[in-house]
Amino acid sequence: MAENLAIRLRKDRKQASNLSLYAGAASTSEYSSIKISRNIEATQNTKELQDLAISLFHEKY
């Protein structure tokens, strides 16, 4: 997902300055959904976006 985002950003010559992550859980799951958002230094770099997404996931989960 981060790679697709980075490709779209580069194509449109834009950068992301906020990263939001939502992971939904099945209604039958014992786990709850997570939602987190952070302002970030503007980027369109795939590796940076991947690392930030993983960091947000680990922060919340």
PDB file of N, CA and C in Angstrom:
ATOM      1  N   MET A   1       0.824  -1.193   0.000  1.00  0.00           N
ATOM      2  CA  MET A   1       0.000   0.000   0.000  1.00  0.00           C
ATOM      3  C   MET A   1       0.866   1.254   0.000  1.00  0.00           C
ATOM      4  N   ALA A   2       1.923   1.244   0.792  1.00  0.00           N
ATOM      5  CA  ALA A   2       2.811   2.408   0.839  1.00  0.00           C
ATOM      6  C   ALA A   2       3.475   2.639  -0.514  1.00  0.00           C
ATOM      7  N   GLU A   3       3.817   1.562  -1.194  1.00  0.00           N
ATOM      8  CA  GLU A   3       4.435   1.694  -2.510  1.00  0.00           C
ATOM      9  C   GLU A   3       3.458   2.320  -3.509  1.00  0.00           C
ATOM     10  N   ASN A   4       2.214   1.872  -3.504  1.00  0.00           N
ATOM     11  CA  ASN A   4       1.210   2.453  -4.397  1.00  0.00           C
ATOM     12  C   ASN A   4       0.987   3.933  -4.088  1.00  0.00           C
ATOM     13  N   LEU A   5       0.958   4.275  -2.816  1.00  0.00           N
ATOM     14  CA  LEU A   5       0.816   5.668  -2.415  1.00  0.00           C
ATOM     15  C   LEU A   5       1.986   6.492  -2.941  1.00  0.00           C
ATOM     16  N   ALA A   6       3.203   6.009  -2.741  1.00  0.00           N
ATOM     17  CA  ALA A   6       4.392   6.734  -3.186  1.00  0.00           C
ATOM     18  C   ALA A   6       4.397   6.923  -4.703  1.00  0.00           C
ATOM     19  N   ILE A   7       3.987   5.911  -5.436  1.00  0.00           N
ATOM     20  CA  ILE A   7       3.918   6.017  -6.899  1.00  0.00           C
ATOM     21  C   ILE A   7       2.930   7.100  -7.314  1.00  0.00           C
ATOM     22  N   ARG A   8       1.756   7.109  -6.689  1.00  0.00           N
ATOM     23  CA  ARG A   8       0.757   8.135  -7.020  1.00  0.00           C
ATOM     24  C   ARG A   8       1.261   9.531  -6.663  1.00  0.00           C
ATOM     25  N   LEU A   9       1.934   9.658  -5.530  1.00  0.00           N
ATOM     26  CA  LEU A   9       2.477  10.958  -5.130  1.00  0.00           C
ATOM     27  C   LEU A   9       3.505  11.458  -6.133  1.00  0.00           C
ATOM     28  N   ARG A  10       4.422  10.582  -6.527  1.00  0.00           N
ATOM     29  CA  ARG A  10       5.449  10.981  -7.491  1.00  0.00           C
ATOM     30  C   ARG A  10       4.830  11.341  -8.847  1.00  0.00           C
ATOM     31  N   LYS A  11       3.849  10.569  -9.273  1.00  0.00           N
ATOM     32  CA  LYS A  11       3.178  10.827 -10.547  1.00  0.00           C
ATOM     33  C   LYS A  11       2.532  12.215 -10.556  1.00  0.00           C
ATOM     34  N   ASP A  12       1.926  12.594  -9.441  1.00  0.00           N
ATOM     35  CA  ASP A  12       1.245  13.887  -9.331  1.00  0.00           C
ATOM     36  C   ASP A  12       2.163  15.003  -8.831  1.00  0.00           C
ATOM     37  N   ARG A  13       3.444  14.666  -8.616  1.00  0.00           N
ATOM     38  CA  ARG A  13       4.435  15.627  -8.101  1.00  0.00           C
ATOM     39  C   ARG A  13       3.981  16.264  -6.799  1.00  0.00           C
ATOM     40  N   LYS A  14       3.532  15.399  -5.889  1.00  0.00           N
ATOM     41  CA  LYS A  14       3.071  15.831  -4.564  1.00  0.00           C
ATOM     42  C   LYS A  14       3.827  15.057  -3.500  1.00  0.00           C
ATOM     43  N   GLN A  15       3.652  15.487  -2.246  1.00  0.00           N
ATOM     44  CA  GLN A  15       4.257  14.800  -1.114  1.00  0.00           C
ATOM     45  C   GLN A  15       3.218  14.652  -0.013  1.00  0.00           C
ATOM     46  N   ALA A  16       3.361  13.611   0.764  1.00  0.00           N
ATOM     47  CA  ALA A  16       2.462  13.384   1.899  1.00  0.00           C
ATOM     48  C   ALA A  16       3.031  14.081   3.123  1.00  0.00           C
ATOM     49  N   SER A  17       2.168  14.773   3.860  1.00  0.00           N
ATOM     50  CA  SER A  17       2.597  15.402   5.109  1.00  0.00           C
ATOM     51  C   SER A  17       1.816  14.854   6.305  1.00  0.00           C
ATOM     52  N   ASN A  18       0.940  13.893   6.032  1.00  0.00           N
ATOM     53  CA  ASN A  18       0.186  13.218   7.081  1.00  0.00           C
ATOM     54  C   ASN A  18       0.010  11.773   6.651  1.00  0.00           C
ATOM     55  N   LEU A  19       0.170  10.863   7.594  1.00  0.00           N
ATOM     56  CA  LEU A  19      -0.020   9.445   7.294  1.00  0.00           C
ATOM     57  C   LEU A  19      -1.042   8.881   8.264  1.00  0.00           C
ATOM     58  N   SER A  20      -2.091   8.291   7.722  1.00  0.00           N
ATOM     59  CA  SER A  20      -3.141   7.676   8.527  1.00  0.00           C
ATOM     60  C   SER A  20      -3.177   6.189   8.222  1.00  0.00           C
ATOM     61  N   LEU A  21      -3.419   5.416   9.262  1.00  0.00           N
ATOM     62  CA  LEU A  21      -3.464   3.968   9.117  1.00  0.00           C
ATOM     63  C   LEU A  21      -4.728   3.460   9.798  1.00  0.00           C
ATOM     64  N   TYR A  22      -5.479   2.639   9.080  1.00  0.00           N
ATOM     65  CA  TYR A  22      -6.657   2.003   9.645  1.00  0.00           C
ATOM     66  C   TYR A  22      -6.588   0.516   9.328  1.00  0.00           C
ATOM     67  N   ALA A  23      -6.730  -0.305  10.328  1.00  0.00           N
ATOM     68  CA  ALA A  23      -6.772  -1.756  10.142  1.00  0.00           C
ATOM     69  C   ALA A  23      -8.031  -2.257  10.841  1.00  0.00           C
ATOM     70  N   GLY A  24      -8.961  -2.743  10.051  1.00  0.00           N
ATOM     71  CA  GLY A  24     -10.216  -3.230  10.603  1.00  0.00           C
ATOM     72  C   GLY A  24     -10.116  -4.698  10.979  1.00  0.00           C
ATOM     73  N   ALA A  25     -10.849  -5.071  11.987  1.00  0.00           N
ATOM     74  CA  ALA A  25     -10.897  -6.460  12.430  1.00  0.00           C
ATOM     75  C   ALA A  25     -12.276  -7.031  12.127  1.00  0.00           C
ATOM     76  N   ALA A  26     -12.315  -8.314  11.856  1.00  0.00           N
ATOM     77  CA  ALA A  26     -13.592  -8.982  11.596  1.00  0.00           C
ATOM     78  C   ALA A  26     -14.473  -8.886  12.837  1.00  0.00           C
ATOM     79  N   SER A  27     -15.763  -8.824  12.617  1.00  0.00           N
ATOM     80  CA  SER A  27     -16.686  -8.689  13.750  1.00  0.00           C
ATOM     81  C   SER A  27     -16.611  -9.887  14.688  1.00  0.00           C
ATOM     82  N   THR A  28     -16.149 -11.025  14.198  1.00  0.00           N
ATOM     83  CA  THR A  28     -16.030 -12.211  15.038  1.00  0.00           C
ATOM     84  C   THR A  28     -14.661 -12.316  15.704  1.00  0.00           C
ATOM     85  N   SER A  29     -13.794 -11.362  15.426  1.00  0.00           N
ATOM     86  CA  SER A  29     -12.434 -11.396  15.962  1.00  0.00           C
ATOM     87  C   SER A  29     -12.393 -10.913  17.404  1.00  0.00           C
ATOM     88  N   GLU A  30     -11.451 -11.444  18.166  1.00  0.00           N
ATOM     89  CA  GLU A  30     -11.252 -10.984  19.538  1.00  0.00           C
ATOM     90  C   GLU A  30     -10.478  -9.668  19.572  1.00  0.00           C
ATOM     91  N   TYR A  31      -9.921  -9.256  18.420  1.00  0.00           N
ATOM     92  CA  TYR A  31      -9.140  -8.025  18.323  1.00  0.00           C
ATOM     93  C   TYR A  31     -10.029  -6.884  17.864  1.00  0.00           C
ATOM     94  N   SER A  32      -9.662  -5.672  18.263  1.00  0.00           N
ATOM     95  CA  SER A  32     -10.423  -4.515  17.822  1.00  0.00           C
ATOM     96  C   SER A  32      -9.686  -3.825  16.671  1.00  0.00           C
ATOM     97  N   SER A  33     -10.408  -2.990  15.942  1.00  0.00           N
ATOM     98  CA  SER A  33      -9.813  -2.232  14.851  1.00  0.00           C
ATOM     99  C   SER A  33      -8.861  -1.182  15.432  1.00  0.00           C
ATOM    100  N   ILE A  34      -7.892  -0.779  14.614  1.00  0.00           N
ATOM    101  CA  ILE A  34      -6.991   0.286  15.041  1.00  0.00           C
ATOM    102  C   ILE A  34      -7.043   1.417  14.024  1.00  0.00           C
ATOM    103  N   LYS A  35      -6.911   2.633  14.543  1.00  0.00           N
ATOM    104  CA  LYS A  35      -6.881   3.815  13.689  1.00  0.00           C
ATOM    105  C   LYS A  35      -5.891   4.784  14.313  1.00  0.00           C
ATOM    106  N   ILE A  36      -4.941   5.279  13.495  1.00  0.00           N
ATOM    107  CA  ILE A  36      -3.932   6.194  13.997  1.00  0.00           C
ATOM    108  C   ILE A  36      -3.495   7.110  12.855  1.00  0.00           C
ATOM    109  N   SER A  37      -3.154   8.330  13.197  1.00  0.00           N
ATOM    110  CA  SER A  37      -2.749   9.318  12.201  1.00  0.00           C
ATOM    111  C   SER A  37      -1.642  10.180  12.795  1.00  0.00           C
ATOM    112  N   ARG A  38      -0.679  10.545  11.969  1.00  0.00           N
ATOM    113  CA  ARG A  38       0.430  11.387  12.417  1.00  0.00           C
ATOM    114  C   ARG A  38       0.817  12.376  11.323  1.00  0.00           C
ATOM    115  N   ASN A  39       1.175  13.584  11.727  1.00  0.00           N
ATOM    116  CA  ASN A  39       1.812  14.522  10.811  1.00  0.00           C
ATOM    117  C   ASN A  39       3.245  14.056  10.627  1.00  0.00           C
ATOM    118  N   ILE A  40       3.731  14.106   9.399  1.00  0.00           N
ATOM    119  CA  ILE A  40       5.074  13.636   9.090  1.00  0.00           C
ATOM    120  C   ILE A  40       5.796  14.695   8.268  1.00  0.00           C
ATOM    121  N   GLU A  41       7.105  14.551   8.189  1.00  0.00           N
ATOM    122  CA  GLU A  41       7.862  15.407   7.289  1.00  0.00           C
ATOM    123  C   GLU A  41       7.472  15.029   5.864  1.00  0.00           C
ATOM    124  N   ALA A  42       7.158  16.028   5.058  1.00  0.00           N
ATOM    125  CA  ALA A  42       6.664  15.776   3.697  1.00  0.00           C
ATOM    126  C   ALA A  42       7.607  14.856   2.925  1.00  0.00           C
ATOM    127  N   THR A  43       7.033  13.813   2.314  1.00  0.00           N
ATOM    128  CA  THR A  43       7.827  12.846   1.567  1.00  0.00           C
ATOM    129  C   THR A  43       6.992  12.170   0.492  1.00  0.00           C
ATOM    130  N   GLN A  44       7.681  11.599  -0.462  1.00  0.00           N
ATOM    131  CA  GLN A  44       7.077  10.728  -1.469  1.00  0.00           C
ATOM    132  C   GLN A  44       7.933   9.472  -1.615  1.00  0.00           C
ATOM    133  N   ASN A  45       8.833   9.270  -0.654  1.00  0.00           N
ATOM    134  CA  ASN A  45       9.775   8.160  -0.673  1.00  0.00           C
ATOM    135  C   ASN A  45       9.101   6.876  -0.163  1.00  0.00           C
ATOM    136  N   THR A  46       9.147   5.836  -0.977  1.00  0.00           N
ATOM    137  CA  THR A  46       8.487   4.571  -0.635  1.00  0.00           C
ATOM    138  C   THR A  46       8.995   4.003   0.688  1.00  0.00           C
ATOM    139  N   LYS A  47      10.293   3.916   0.863  1.00  0.00           N
ATOM    140  CA  LYS A  47      10.872   3.316   2.085  1.00  0.00           C
ATOM    141  C   LYS A  47      10.465   4.103   3.325  1.00  0.00           C
ATOM    142  N   GLU A  48      10.484   5.431   3.247  1.00  0.00           N
ATOM    143  CA  GLU A  48      10.078   6.247   4.390  1.00  0.00           C
ATOM    144  C   GLU A  48       8.611   6.009   4.741  1.00  0.00           C
ATOM    145  N   LEU A  49       7.759   5.965   3.729  1.00  0.00           N
ATOM    146  CA  LEU A  49       6.333   5.739   3.981  1.00  0.00           C
ATOM    147  C   LEU A  49       6.084   4.349   4.555  1.00  0.00           C
ATOM    148  N   GLN A  50       6.805   3.338   4.053  1.00  0.00           N
ATOM    149  CA  GLN A  50       6.676   1.981   4.594  1.00  0.00           C
ATOM    150  C   GLN A  50       7.100   1.947   6.056  1.00  0.00           C
ATOM    151  N   ASP A  51       8.257   2.529   6.350  1.00  0.00           N
ATOM    152  CA  ASP A  51       8.758   2.533   7.729  1.00  0.00           C
ATOM    153  C   ASP A  51       7.810   3.269   8.671  1.00  0.00           C
ATOM    154  N   LEU A  52       7.274   4.392   8.210  1.00  0.00           N
ATOM    155  CA  LEU A  52       6.326   5.146   9.035  1.00  0.00           C
ATOM    156  C   LEU A  52       5.043   4.354   9.287  1.00  0.00           C
ATOM    157  N   ALA A  53       4.537   3.685   8.257  1.00  0.00           N
ATOM    158  CA  ALA A  53       3.319   2.888   8.417  1.00  0.00           C
ATOM    159  C   ALA A  53       3.538   1.746   9.407  1.00  0.00           C
ATOM    160  N   ILE A  54       4.665   1.082   9.304  1.00  0.00           N
ATOM    161  CA  ILE A  54       4.989  -0.009  10.234  1.00  0.00           C
ATOM    162  C   ILE A  54       5.134   0.526  11.649  1.00  0.00           C
ATOM    163  N   SER A  55       5.781   1.676  11.776  1.00  0.00           N
ATOM    164  CA  SER A  55       5.954   2.292  13.089  1.00  0.00           C
ATOM    165  C   SER A  55       4.619   2.657  13.709  1.00  0.00           C
ATOM    166  N   LEU A  56       3.720   3.214  12.915  1.00  0.00           N
ATOM    167  CA  LEU A  56       2.387   3.557  13.429  1.00  0.00           C
ATOM    168  C   LEU A  56       1.634   2.303  13.856  1.00  0.00           C
ATOM    169  N   PHE A  57       1.721   1.250  13.071  1.00  0.00           N
ATOM    170  CA  PHE A  57       1.055   0.011  13.410  1.00  0.00           C
ATOM    171  C   PHE A  57       1.570  -0.533  14.749  1.00  0.00           C
ATOM    172  N   HIS A  58       2.881  -0.559  14.921  1.00  0.00           N
ATOM    173  CA  HIS A  58       3.459  -1.086  16.162  1.00  0.00           C
ATOM    174  C   HIS A  58       3.144  -0.186  17.358  1.00  0.00           C
ATOM    175  N   GLU A  59       3.024   1.102  17.107  1.00  0.00           N
ATOM    176  CA  GLU A  59       2.674   2.039  18.182  1.00  0.00           C
ATOM    177  C   GLU A  59       1.272   1.767  18.711  1.00  0.00           C
ATOM    178  N   LYS A  60       0.378   1.427  17.823  1.00  0.00           N
ATOM    179  CA  LYS A  60      -1.023   1.247  18.207  1.00  0.00           C
ATOM    180  C   LYS A  60      -1.370  -0.192  18.571  1.00  0.00           C
ATOM    181  N   TYR A  61      -0.725  -1.175  17.955  1.00  0.00           N
ATOM    182  CA  TYR A  61      -1.091  -2.576  18.145  1.00  0.00           C
ATOM    183  C   TYR A  61      -0.170  -3.256  19.120  1.00  0.00           C
TER     184      TYR A  61
END
